[in-house]
N, C-alpha and C. Protein backbone atom coordinates (compact mmCIF):
# COMPACT_ATOMS: atom_id res chain seq x y z
N MET A 1 4.85 -35.58 -66.35
CA MET A 1 3.81 -35.24 -65.53
C MET A 1 3.76 -33.67 -65.41
N ALA A 2 2.91 -33.07 -65.03
CA ALA A 2 2.66 -31.73 -64.75
C ALA A 2 1.96 -31.26 -63.50
N GLY A 3 2.37 -30.11 -63.18
CA GLY A 3 1.67 -29.62 -61.81
C GLY A 3 2.04 -30.17 -60.52
N ILE A 4 3.21 -30.47 -60.36
CA ILE A 4 3.81 -31.22 -59.12
C ILE A 4 3.76 -29.90 -58.08
N LEU A 5 3.20 -30.25 -56.94
CA LEU A 5 3.06 -29.40 -55.68
C LEU A 5 3.73 -30.23 -54.70
N ILE A 6 4.85 -29.71 -54.09
CA ILE A 6 5.53 -30.46 -53.08
C ILE A 6 5.84 -29.66 -51.79
N LEU A 7 5.59 -30.18 -50.63
CA LEU A 7 5.82 -29.48 -49.27
C LEU A 7 7.21 -30.23 -48.80
N ASN A 8 7.90 -29.19 -48.19
CA ASN A 8 9.09 -29.60 -47.63
C ASN A 8 8.71 -30.32 -46.39
N ASP A 9 9.82 -31.16 -45.93
CA ASP A 9 9.58 -31.76 -44.44
C ASP A 9 9.56 -30.91 -43.43
N VAL A 10 8.31 -30.49 -43.03
CA VAL A 10 7.97 -29.58 -41.86
C VAL A 10 7.52 -30.53 -40.79
N PHE A 11 7.65 -31.73 -40.74
CA PHE A 11 6.98 -32.54 -39.50
C PHE A 11 8.16 -33.30 -38.79
N GLY A 12 9.47 -32.82 -39.06
CA GLY A 12 10.63 -33.47 -38.12
C GLY A 12 11.36 -34.34 -38.99
N ASN A 13 12.19 -34.96 -38.22
CA ASN A 13 13.42 -35.96 -38.87
C ASN A 13 13.10 -37.20 -39.15
N GLY A 14 11.74 -37.58 -38.88
CA GLY A 14 11.28 -39.08 -38.81
C GLY A 14 11.04 -39.51 -40.37
N MET A 15 11.09 -38.41 -41.17
CA MET A 15 10.64 -38.52 -42.70
C MET A 15 11.89 -39.35 -43.41
N LYS A 16 11.66 -40.47 -43.95
CA LYS A 16 12.76 -41.12 -44.69
C LYS A 16 12.41 -41.06 -46.28
N ILE A 17 11.33 -41.06 -46.58
CA ILE A 17 10.85 -41.13 -47.97
C ILE A 17 10.67 -39.79 -48.38
N SER A 18 11.63 -39.40 -49.54
CA SER A 18 11.45 -37.85 -49.99
C SER A 18 10.30 -37.76 -50.93
N ASN A 19 9.80 -36.52 -51.24
CA ASN A 19 8.72 -36.47 -52.09
C ASN A 19 8.85 -36.93 -53.39
N LYS A 20 10.20 -37.04 -54.04
CA LYS A 20 10.44 -37.39 -55.33
C LYS A 20 10.20 -39.19 -55.21
N LYS A 21 10.67 -39.75 -54.25
CA LYS A 21 10.56 -41.27 -53.89
C LYS A 21 9.11 -41.57 -53.81
N ALA A 22 8.33 -40.73 -52.91
CA ALA A 22 6.85 -40.94 -52.90
C ALA A 22 6.28 -40.94 -54.10
N LEU A 23 6.65 -39.95 -54.90
CA LEU A 23 5.89 -39.80 -56.26
C LEU A 23 6.20 -41.08 -57.02
N LEU A 24 7.34 -41.52 -57.02
CA LEU A 24 7.80 -42.71 -57.93
C LEU A 24 6.85 -43.97 -57.37
N ILE A 25 6.94 -44.06 -56.18
CA ILE A 25 6.03 -45.17 -55.58
C ILE A 25 4.63 -45.00 -55.92
N ALA A 26 4.09 -43.91 -55.80
CA ALA A 26 2.54 -43.56 -56.13
C ALA A 26 2.30 -43.80 -57.79
N VAL A 27 3.22 -43.42 -58.55
CA VAL A 27 3.04 -43.60 -59.92
C VAL A 27 3.01 -45.13 -60.22
N GLY A 28 3.77 -45.89 -59.78
CA GLY A 28 3.76 -47.30 -59.71
C GLY A 28 2.56 -48.02 -59.36
N GLU A 29 2.10 -47.40 -58.22
CA GLU A 29 0.76 -47.95 -57.60
C GLU A 29 -0.54 -47.63 -58.54
N ALA A 30 -0.51 -46.34 -58.90
CA ALA A 30 -1.69 -45.88 -59.79
C ALA A 30 -1.61 -46.59 -61.12
N THR A 31 -0.52 -47.01 -61.74
CA THR A 31 -0.51 -47.73 -62.92
C THR A 31 -0.76 -49.14 -62.74
N LYS A 32 -0.66 -49.81 -61.46
CA LYS A 32 -1.08 -51.10 -61.24
C LYS A 32 -2.48 -51.07 -61.00
N LEU A 33 -3.08 -49.96 -60.73
CA LEU A 33 -4.60 -49.89 -60.37
C LEU A 33 -5.30 -49.40 -61.76
N GLY A 34 -4.48 -49.33 -63.06
CA GLY A 34 -5.20 -49.00 -64.26
C GLY A 34 -5.13 -47.57 -64.71
N TYR A 35 -4.41 -46.55 -64.00
CA TYR A 35 -4.54 -45.17 -64.33
C TYR A 35 -3.17 -45.12 -65.16
N GLU A 36 -3.29 -43.99 -66.08
CA GLU A 36 -2.17 -43.59 -66.99
C GLU A 36 -1.35 -42.39 -66.23
N ALA A 37 -0.98 -42.73 -65.05
CA ALA A 37 -0.50 -41.69 -64.15
C ALA A 37 0.42 -40.90 -64.73
N GLU A 38 1.44 -41.41 -65.66
CA GLU A 38 2.57 -40.59 -66.24
C GLU A 38 1.89 -39.56 -67.12
N HIS A 39 0.56 -39.56 -67.58
CA HIS A 39 0.14 -38.64 -68.29
C HIS A 39 -1.04 -37.84 -67.61
N MET A 40 -0.95 -37.85 -66.26
CA MET A 40 -1.99 -37.06 -65.58
C MET A 40 -1.26 -36.02 -64.80
N ASN A 41 -2.06 -34.92 -64.35
CA ASN A 41 -1.56 -33.82 -63.41
C ASN A 41 -1.18 -34.61 -61.97
N VAL A 42 -0.43 -33.99 -61.23
CA VAL A 42 -0.29 -34.69 -59.83
C VAL A 42 0.21 -33.65 -59.00
N GLU A 43 -0.42 -33.94 -57.61
CA GLU A 43 0.04 -33.02 -56.57
C GLU A 43 0.55 -34.04 -55.40
N ALA A 44 1.40 -33.81 -54.77
CA ALA A 44 2.06 -34.48 -53.53
C ALA A 44 2.03 -33.56 -52.34
N ILE A 45 1.38 -33.93 -51.32
CA ILE A 45 1.36 -33.02 -50.00
C ILE A 45 1.51 -33.97 -48.93
N LEU A 46 2.30 -33.47 -48.03
CA LEU A 46 2.76 -34.25 -46.68
C LEU A 46 1.82 -33.95 -45.70
N TYR A 47 1.21 -35.04 -45.08
CA TYR A 47 0.17 -34.87 -43.92
C TYR A 47 0.71 -35.60 -42.65
N LYS A 48 0.15 -35.30 -41.43
CA LYS A 48 0.22 -35.99 -40.21
C LYS A 48 -1.01 -36.19 -39.44
N THR A 49 -2.08 -35.88 -40.08
CA THR A 49 -3.33 -36.10 -39.48
C THR A 49 -4.21 -37.11 -40.54
N TYR A 50 -5.14 -37.79 -40.15
CA TYR A 50 -5.87 -38.86 -40.70
C TYR A 50 -6.74 -38.48 -41.59
N TRP A 51 -7.22 -37.07 -41.55
CA TRP A 51 -7.88 -36.43 -42.66
C TRP A 51 -7.03 -35.46 -43.51
N ASN A 52 -7.40 -35.20 -44.66
CA ASN A 52 -6.78 -34.69 -45.59
C ASN A 52 -7.54 -33.82 -46.55
N SER A 53 -7.06 -33.35 -47.51
CA SER A 53 -7.91 -32.52 -48.65
C SER A 53 -8.73 -33.66 -49.50
N ILE A 54 -8.51 -34.95 -49.46
CA ILE A 54 -9.21 -36.09 -50.16
C ILE A 54 -10.44 -36.61 -49.20
N LEU A 55 -9.91 -36.91 -47.96
CA LEU A 55 -10.63 -37.73 -46.97
C LEU A 55 -11.07 -36.56 -45.95
N PRO A 56 -12.18 -36.09 -45.78
CA PRO A 56 -12.53 -34.94 -44.90
C PRO A 56 -12.69 -35.58 -43.31
N LYS A 57 -12.36 -34.62 -42.38
CA LYS A 57 -12.25 -34.84 -41.03
C LYS A 57 -13.64 -35.59 -40.37
N ASP A 58 -14.94 -34.72 -40.93
CA ASP A 58 -16.14 -35.16 -40.52
C ASP A 58 -16.87 -36.11 -41.18
N SER A 59 -16.37 -36.93 -42.17
CA SER A 59 -16.72 -37.91 -42.95
C SER A 59 -17.44 -39.10 -42.15
N THR A 60 -18.76 -39.55 -42.44
CA THR A 60 -19.06 -40.70 -41.80
C THR A 60 -19.36 -41.93 -42.90
N SER A 61 -18.71 -41.64 -44.04
CA SER A 61 -18.65 -42.74 -45.02
C SER A 61 -17.92 -43.79 -44.51
N GLU A 62 -18.42 -45.08 -44.70
CA GLU A 62 -17.48 -46.25 -44.30
C GLU A 62 -16.21 -46.28 -45.04
N TYR A 63 -16.36 -46.04 -46.47
CA TYR A 63 -15.31 -45.93 -47.26
C TYR A 63 -14.20 -45.00 -46.82
N ASP A 64 -14.52 -43.63 -46.37
CA ASP A 64 -13.55 -42.71 -45.70
C ASP A 64 -13.05 -43.24 -44.58
N LEU A 65 -13.97 -43.63 -43.55
CA LEU A 65 -13.40 -44.18 -42.34
C LEU A 65 -12.42 -45.27 -42.38
N GLU A 66 -12.58 -46.19 -43.09
CA GLU A 66 -11.71 -47.28 -43.38
C GLU A 66 -10.36 -46.80 -43.64
N ARG A 67 -10.43 -45.87 -44.70
CA ARG A 67 -8.88 -45.27 -45.08
C ARG A 67 -8.47 -44.31 -43.93
N GLN A 68 -9.22 -43.57 -43.33
CA GLN A 68 -8.75 -42.79 -42.12
C GLN A 68 -8.07 -43.73 -41.08
N ASN A 69 -8.63 -44.77 -40.89
CA ASN A 69 -8.11 -45.68 -39.67
C ASN A 69 -6.55 -46.03 -40.14
N LYS A 70 -6.47 -46.27 -41.45
CA LYS A 70 -5.17 -46.77 -41.81
C LYS A 70 -4.10 -45.56 -41.89
N LEU A 71 -4.70 -44.31 -41.76
CA LEU A 71 -3.70 -43.14 -41.68
C LEU A 71 -3.50 -42.59 -40.37
N LYS A 72 -4.30 -43.08 -39.42
CA LYS A 72 -4.13 -42.56 -38.01
C LYS A 72 -2.70 -42.84 -37.38
N GLY A 73 -2.00 -41.84 -36.91
CA GLY A 73 -0.69 -42.04 -36.31
C GLY A 73 0.32 -42.14 -37.39
N LYS A 74 0.10 -41.71 -38.55
CA LYS A 74 1.12 -41.87 -39.73
C LYS A 74 1.47 -40.31 -40.17
N ILE A 75 2.75 -40.29 -40.61
CA ILE A 75 3.21 -39.17 -41.41
C ILE A 75 3.18 -39.78 -42.93
N TYR A 76 2.37 -39.15 -43.82
CA TYR A 76 2.48 -39.71 -45.07
C TYR A 76 2.15 -38.78 -46.12
N TRP A 77 2.72 -39.16 -47.40
CA TRP A 77 2.33 -38.32 -48.47
C TRP A 77 1.02 -38.76 -49.15
N ALA A 78 0.24 -37.80 -49.54
CA ALA A 78 -1.07 -37.92 -50.35
C ALA A 78 -0.46 -37.59 -51.77
N VAL A 79 -0.62 -38.50 -52.67
CA VAL A 79 -0.14 -38.18 -54.01
C VAL A 79 -1.33 -38.27 -54.90
N TYR A 80 -1.72 -37.22 -55.39
CA TYR A 80 -3.09 -37.17 -56.02
C TYR A 80 -2.78 -36.79 -57.47
N PHE A 81 -3.54 -37.81 -58.29
CA PHE A 81 -3.26 -37.84 -59.73
C PHE A 81 -4.85 -37.54 -60.33
N TYR A 82 -4.88 -36.54 -61.11
CA TYR A 82 -6.19 -36.09 -61.75
C TYR A 82 -5.88 -35.91 -63.29
N PRO A 83 -6.92 -36.05 -64.02
CA PRO A 83 -6.77 -35.78 -65.47
C PRO A 83 -6.27 -34.41 -65.92
N ARG A 84 -5.56 -34.35 -66.97
CA ARG A 84 -5.29 -33.07 -67.55
C ARG A 84 -6.42 -32.75 -68.53
N PRO A 85 -6.62 -31.28 -68.69
CA PRO A 85 -7.55 -30.73 -69.58
C PRO A 85 -7.17 -31.04 -71.06
N SER A 86 -7.90 -31.19 -72.02
CA SER A 86 -7.40 -31.42 -73.23
C SER A 86 -7.32 -29.99 -73.93
N ARG A 87 -6.67 -29.95 -75.12
CA ARG A 87 -6.39 -28.63 -75.59
C ARG A 87 -7.76 -27.92 -76.17
N GLU A 88 -8.78 -28.84 -76.48
CA GLU A 88 -10.03 -28.41 -76.81
C GLU A 88 -10.89 -27.86 -75.62
N GLY A 89 -10.47 -28.09 -74.37
CA GLY A 89 -11.14 -27.63 -73.11
C GLY A 89 -11.80 -28.78 -72.39
N GLY A 90 -11.92 -29.92 -72.87
CA GLY A 90 -12.49 -31.00 -72.51
C GLY A 90 -11.58 -31.84 -71.44
N ILE A 91 -12.02 -32.69 -70.72
CA ILE A 91 -11.13 -33.49 -69.68
C ILE A 91 -10.86 -34.84 -70.50
N VAL A 92 -9.37 -35.05 -70.36
CA VAL A 92 -8.96 -36.23 -70.97
C VAL A 92 -9.69 -37.47 -70.25
N LYS A 93 -9.80 -38.69 -70.88
CA LYS A 93 -10.47 -39.65 -70.29
C LYS A 93 -9.71 -40.32 -69.03
N GLY A 94 -10.65 -40.86 -68.10
CA GLY A 94 -9.99 -41.42 -66.82
C GLY A 94 -10.37 -40.58 -65.73
N GLY A 95 -10.48 -41.02 -64.60
CA GLY A 95 -10.87 -40.36 -63.17
C GLY A 95 -9.57 -40.05 -62.58
N ASP A 96 -9.71 -39.76 -61.22
CA ASP A 96 -8.71 -39.30 -60.48
C ASP A 96 -8.35 -40.45 -59.38
N VAL A 97 -7.22 -40.44 -58.83
CA VAL A 97 -6.76 -41.35 -57.72
C VAL A 97 -5.74 -40.68 -56.85
N CYS A 98 -5.79 -41.05 -55.49
CA CYS A 98 -4.98 -40.44 -54.55
C CYS A 98 -4.39 -41.67 -53.99
N ILE A 99 -3.14 -41.74 -53.87
CA ILE A 99 -2.21 -42.84 -53.30
C ILE A 99 -1.65 -42.30 -51.93
N PHE A 100 -1.79 -42.85 -50.95
CA PHE A 100 -1.23 -42.57 -49.58
C PHE A 100 0.11 -43.40 -49.39
N VAL A 101 1.23 -42.71 -49.27
CA VAL A 101 2.46 -43.23 -49.04
C VAL A 101 3.03 -43.01 -47.52
N ASP A 102 3.30 -43.93 -47.07
CA ASP A 102 3.93 -43.73 -45.52
C ASP A 102 5.38 -43.08 -45.75
N SER A 103 5.40 -41.90 -45.05
CA SER A 103 6.80 -41.05 -45.42
C SER A 103 8.05 -41.84 -44.57
N THR A 104 7.77 -42.80 -43.80
CA THR A 104 9.14 -43.50 -43.14
C THR A 104 9.33 -44.77 -43.83
N THR A 105 8.39 -45.63 -44.22
CA THR A 105 8.71 -46.86 -44.92
C THR A 105 8.44 -46.92 -46.44
N GLY A 106 7.70 -46.02 -46.96
CA GLY A 106 7.42 -46.13 -48.45
C GLY A 106 6.20 -47.03 -48.71
N ASP A 107 5.58 -47.72 -47.51
CA ASP A 107 4.44 -48.53 -47.92
C ASP A 107 3.24 -47.83 -48.34
N ILE A 108 2.45 -48.41 -49.21
CA ILE A 108 1.22 -47.78 -49.49
C ILE A 108 0.12 -48.07 -48.35
N LEU A 109 -0.38 -47.14 -47.78
CA LEU A 109 -1.28 -47.13 -46.82
C LEU A 109 -2.75 -47.36 -47.17
N ALA A 110 -2.89 -46.69 -48.41
CA ALA A 110 -4.49 -46.79 -48.78
C ALA A 110 -4.42 -46.07 -50.30
N ASP A 111 -5.65 -46.03 -50.86
CA ASP A 111 -5.91 -45.40 -52.01
C ASP A 111 -7.18 -44.83 -52.00
N TYR A 112 -7.48 -44.00 -52.79
CA TYR A 112 -8.85 -43.32 -52.89
C TYR A 112 -9.21 -43.16 -54.17
N ARG A 113 -10.03 -43.85 -54.90
CA ARG A 113 -10.16 -43.78 -56.37
C ARG A 113 -11.47 -42.93 -56.72
N GLY A 114 -11.23 -42.00 -57.69
CA GLY A 114 -12.36 -41.30 -58.11
C GLY A 114 -13.22 -41.82 -59.30
N GLU A 115 -14.05 -41.10 -59.89
CA GLU A 115 -14.78 -41.84 -61.00
C GLU A 115 -14.20 -41.33 -62.38
């Protein structure tokens, strides 16, 4: 995998799942969902808000609100997988996916699938 962006634990001592562990959990989940995660770019960012770079704070979409409810009150890793550009400049097949991993338990809280 390429392009890993990781933030250190800036949210206190309650975090038990490291960025590396969250990444492994997310790769497994993305693969179960049919993504070729091991061949995609990835970013992992730690959040403590129900909104993030994937789910905007002011969204009124039922899809977003359902996921935001699952993230409320949690500190979690948002592990975002997205296609790598091909050498010819085009995008490799497949869409993107973000897997939200609880930073305390390692549970999958939600996912967000692109097209």
